[in-house]
Every structure is written in C-alpha cells, then in structure tokens.
N, C-alpha and C. Protein backbone atom coordinates (compact mmCIF):
# COMPACT_ATOMS: atom_id res chain seq x y z
N MET A 1 0.86 -0.98 0.02
CA MET A 1 -0.11 -0.08 -0.50
C MET A 1 0.73 1.50 0.26
N ALA A 2 1.71 1.27 -1.48
CA ALA A 2 2.59 2.18 -0.65
C ALA A 2 2.12 3.45 -1.42
N VAL A 3 1.62 4.67 -1.42
CA VAL A 3 0.96 6.40 -1.82
C VAL A 3 2.19 6.74 -2.21
N ASN A 4 1.94 7.48 -3.87
CA ASN A 4 2.67 8.08 -4.14
C ASN A 4 2.06 9.35 -3.73
N ILE A 5 3.20 10.29 -3.24
CA ILE A 5 3.17 11.91 -2.68
C ILE A 5 2.66 12.52 -3.52
N SER A 6 3.72 12.09 -4.70
CA SER A 6 3.41 13.02 -6.11
C SER A 6 2.04 13.13 -6.63
N GLU A 7 1.67 11.91 -6.66
CA GLU A 7 0.53 12.23 -7.47
C GLU A 7 -1.11 12.47 -6.51
N GLU A 8 -0.88 12.20 -5.35
CA GLU A 8 -1.96 13.18 -4.54
C GLU A 8 -0.99 14.68 -4.66
N ALA A 9 -0.39 14.67 -4.03
CA ALA A 9 0.42 16.77 -4.86
C ALA A 9 -0.33 17.33 -5.91
N ALA A 10 -0.39 16.76 -6.86
CA ALA A 10 -1.26 17.10 -8.60
C ALA A 10 -2.09 16.91 -8.36
N ASP A 11 -3.01 15.84 -7.60
CA ASP A 11 -4.53 16.34 -7.52
C ASP A 11 -4.73 17.42 -7.21
N LEU A 12 -4.29 17.83 -5.53
CA LEU A 12 -4.34 19.01 -4.56
C LEU A 12 -5.28 20.67 -5.42
N PRO A 13 -4.78 20.83 -6.36
CA PRO A 13 -5.65 21.88 -7.20
C PRO A 13 -6.51 21.63 -7.53
N GLY A 14 -7.05 20.17 -8.48
CA GLY A 14 -8.44 19.70 -8.32
C GLY A 14 -9.40 19.46 -7.39
N VAL A 15 -8.84 19.27 -6.46
CA VAL A 15 -10.23 19.96 -4.87
C VAL A 15 -9.88 20.12 -4.71
N LEU A 16 -8.77 21.10 -4.82
CA LEU A 16 -9.14 22.43 -3.73
C LEU A 16 -10.22 23.42 -4.70
N GLY A 17 -10.25 23.02 -6.01
CA GLY A 17 -10.84 23.72 -7.20
C GLY A 17 -11.91 23.54 -6.35
N SER A 18 -12.61 22.04 -6.49
CA SER A 18 -14.34 21.28 -5.76
C SER A 18 -14.56 21.53 -4.71
N LEU A 19 -13.84 22.26 -3.57
CA LEU A 19 -13.97 22.69 -2.64
C LEU A 19 -14.18 23.46 -2.73
N GLY A 20 -13.74 24.52 -3.25
CA GLY A 20 -13.88 26.43 -3.77
C GLY A 20 -15.12 25.80 -4.34
N GLU A 21 -15.66 25.75 -5.18
CA GLU A 21 -16.92 25.35 -6.20
C GLU A 21 -18.25 25.39 -4.85
N ILE A 22 -17.67 24.22 -4.07
CA ILE A 22 -18.62 24.09 -2.78
C ILE A 22 -19.31 25.12 -1.73
N ALA A 23 -17.93 25.89 -1.54
CA ALA A 23 -18.20 26.80 -0.51
C ALA A 23 -19.00 27.68 -1.28
N LEU A 24 -19.00 28.08 -2.95
CA LEU A 24 -19.52 29.41 -3.39
C LEU A 24 -20.86 28.80 -2.88
N TRP A 25 -21.63 27.84 -3.10
CA TRP A 25 -22.87 27.22 -3.63
C TRP A 25 -23.17 27.39 -1.37
N LEU A 26 -22.90 26.80 -1.53
CA LEU A 26 -23.63 27.25 0.96
C LEU A 26 -23.13 28.60 1.22
N GLN A 27 -22.01 29.49 0.08
CA GLN A 27 -22.72 31.37 0.41
C GLN A 27 -23.61 31.55 -0.48
N ALA A 28 -23.62 30.94 -1.03
CA ALA A 28 -25.09 31.37 -2.77
C ALA A 28 -26.59 31.07 -0.93
N VAL A 29 -26.47 30.11 -0.57
CA VAL A 29 -27.48 29.27 -0.25
C VAL A 29 -27.54 29.76 1.26
N GLY A 30 -26.92 30.39 1.71
CA GLY A 30 -26.82 31.30 3.30
C GLY A 30 -26.89 32.61 3.17
N ALA A 31 -26.83 33.10 1.63
CA ALA A 31 -27.46 34.35 1.42
C ALA A 31 -28.50 34.86 1.51
N ILE A 32 -29.16 33.72 0.18
CA ILE A 32 -30.84 33.30 0.26
C ILE A 32 -31.10 33.14 1.78
N ILE A 33 -31.51 32.30 2.37
CA ILE A 33 -31.20 31.78 3.43
C ILE A 33 -31.93 33.76 4.24
N ILE A 34 -30.40 33.96 4.02
CA ILE A 34 -30.57 34.79 5.51
C ILE A 34 -31.22 36.03 4.76
N VAL A 35 -32.07 36.82 3.33
CA VAL A 35 -32.14 37.48 3.01
C VAL A 35 -34.07 36.89 3.46
N TRP A 36 -34.05 35.85 3.28
CA TRP A 36 -35.81 34.77 3.81
C TRP A 36 -35.66 35.07 4.85
N ILE A 37 -35.02 35.52 5.98
CA ILE A 37 -34.97 35.40 6.98
C ILE A 37 -35.95 36.76 7.51
N ILE A 38 -34.89 37.04 6.47
CA ILE A 38 -35.41 39.43 7.54
C ILE A 38 -36.44 39.59 6.73
N PHE A 39 -37.03 38.93 4.83
CA PHE A 39 -37.90 38.61 4.80
C PHE A 39 -39.23 38.81 6.01
N GLN A 40 -39.59 37.27 6.17
CA GLN A 40 -39.91 36.95 7.04
C GLN A 40 -40.51 37.59 8.63
N SER A 41 -39.35 38.48 9.11
CA SER A 41 -39.36 39.37 9.68
C SER A 41 -40.08 40.31 9.75
N ILE A 42 -39.82 40.66 8.76
CA ILE A 42 -40.32 42.72 8.19
C ILE A 42 -42.00 41.84 7.87
N SER A 43 -42.57 40.64 7.21
CA SER A 43 -43.40 40.29 7.42
C SER A 43 -44.62 39.81 8.52
N PHE A 44 -43.66 39.49 9.58
CA PHE A 44 -44.13 39.49 11.13
C PHE A 44 -44.33 40.90 11.51
N TYR A 45 -44.02 41.66 10.85
CA TYR A 45 -43.97 42.94 12.35
C TYR A 45 -45.67 43.92 11.69
N TYR A 46 -45.40 43.45 10.26
CA TYR A 46 -46.75 44.25 9.65
C TYR A 46 -47.71 43.38 10.16
N ASN A 47 -48.33 42.01 9.78
CA ASN A 47 -48.76 40.65 10.26
C ASN A 47 -49.33 41.58 11.86
N ARG A 48 -48.10 41.14 13.10
CA ARG A 48 -48.39 41.65 14.01
C ARG A 48 -49.15 43.58 14.27
N LYS A 49 -48.39 44.09 13.77
CA LYS A 49 -49.36 45.44 13.76
C LYS A 49 -51.38 45.48 12.96
N ARG A 50 -50.84 44.02 11.95
CA ARG A 50 -52.41 44.41 11.88
C ARG A 50 -53.85 43.23 12.90
N MET A 51 -52.39 42.74 13.20
CA MET A 51 -53.28 41.75 14.50
C MET A 51 -54.18 42.14 15.17
N GLN A 52 -53.33 43.64 15.54
CA GLN A 52 -53.40 44.40 16.60
C GLN A 52 -54.53 45.40 16.21
N GLU A 53 -54.71 45.64 15.65
CA GLU A 53 -55.88 46.80 14.92
C GLU A 53 -56.54 46.02 15.17
N VAL A 54 -57.05 45.22 14.68
CA VAL A 54 -57.74 43.75 14.24
C VAL A 54 -58.16 43.99 15.47
N TYR A 55 -57.48 42.84 16.63
CA TYR A 55 -58.03 42.75 18.22
C TYR A 55 -58.58 44.28 18.69
N GLU A 56 -57.92 45.73 18.90
CA GLU A 56 -58.92 46.34 19.03
C GLU A 56 -60.23 47.41 18.52
N ILE A 57 -60.08 46.68 16.85
CA ILE A 57 -62.09 46.62 16.55
C ILE A 57 -62.28 45.94 17.49
N LYS A 58 -62.00 44.78 17.65
CA LYS A 58 -62.88 43.56 17.87
C LYS A 58 -63.70 44.15 19.11
N LYS A 59 -61.78 44.85 20.15
CA LYS A 59 -62.89 45.20 21.53
C LYS A 59 -63.75 45.97 21.08
N ASP A 60 -64.04 46.94 20.05
CA ASP A 60 -64.95 48.66 20.79
C ASP A 60 -66.22 47.37 19.20
N MET A 61 -65.76 46.86 18.65
CA MET A 61 -67.40 46.37 18.61
C MET A 61 -67.87 45.58 19.58
N VAL A 62 -67.55 44.80 20.27
CA VAL A 62 -67.62 43.98 21.41
C VAL A 62 -69.02 45.17 22.67
N ARG A 63 -67.36 46.35 22.08
CA ARG A 63 -68.46 47.05 23.82
C ARG A 63 -70.11 48.61 23.34
N ILE A 64 -68.97 48.67 21.67
CA ILE A 64 -70.60 49.09 21.02
C ILE A 64 -71.82 47.88 20.78
N GLU A 65 -71.72 46.72 20.35
CA GLU A 65 -72.48 45.08 20.89
C GLU A 65 -73.47 45.28 22.26
N ARG A 66 -72.83 46.16 23.24
CA ARG A 66 -73.14 45.63 24.27
C ARG A 66 -74.18 46.76 25.44
N LYS A 67 -73.77 48.56 24.10
CA LYS A 67 -74.16 49.40 24.23
C LYS A 67 -75.27 48.70 23.07
N ILE A 68 -75.63 48.86 22.43
CA ILE A 68 -76.75 47.79 21.36
C ILE A 68 -77.87 47.23 22.54
N ASP A 69 -77.22 46.25 23.26
CA ASP A 69 -78.08 45.63 23.42
C ASP A 69 -78.29 45.97 24.35
N ASN A 70 -77.48 47.51 25.56
CA ASN A 70 -78.77 48.15 27.18
C ASN A 70 -79.05 48.83 25.99
N ILE A 71 -79.22 49.60 25.97
CA ILE A 71 -80.05 50.15 24.06
C ILE A 71 -81.55 49.32 24.22
N LEU A 72 -81.31 48.63 24.02
CA LEU A 72 -82.82 47.50 23.24
C LEU A 72 -83.14 47.05 24.77
N LYS A 73 -82.82 46.55 25.83
CA LYS A 73 -83.80 45.98 26.98
C LYS A 73 -84.33 47.24 27.86
N LYS A 74 -83.81 48.62 27.60
CA LYS A 74 -84.59 49.98 28.38
C LYS A 74 -86.04 49.59 26.96
N ARG A 75 -86.15 50.22 26.23
CA ARG A 75 -86.96 49.58 25.45
C ARG A 75 -88.61 48.65 25.92
C-alpha cells in the first residue's frame, strides 16, 4: 500500500477547486436564507401590527354590541 505523494500533490489543485465551488454554493444558499429570514421578519412585524388593529376593532365591536343590547333592553 505504497502511496505516491507526488500523485496526491498533483491532484491537490483539483480538490481545492472542487471545495471552492462547494463553498461558493454554500455561500449563495446562506445569502438566500438570510434574505428569506429578513423578509419573514418584516412580514411578521407588519402582520403583528395588523393583528393588533384587528383586536382593537374587535374590542370596540364588543363594546358597541353591549351598548346596543342595553339600549334595546331599555325599550
């Protein structure tokens, strides 16, 4: 099992090139994931604001319904 070091050394640039290509793909995937996370964070923020407005409207509707019920009971 004698390994010729010169053969392995000759193939080193090919191996490093393959590793470099893999690293570039991983970097691109990482950038896409970061952009996706940023987009989801922004969406979550705006959806949260909208839901808070919906909850406020719901509270107002319940209050108005109670007032209407009270008015109708007085008649």
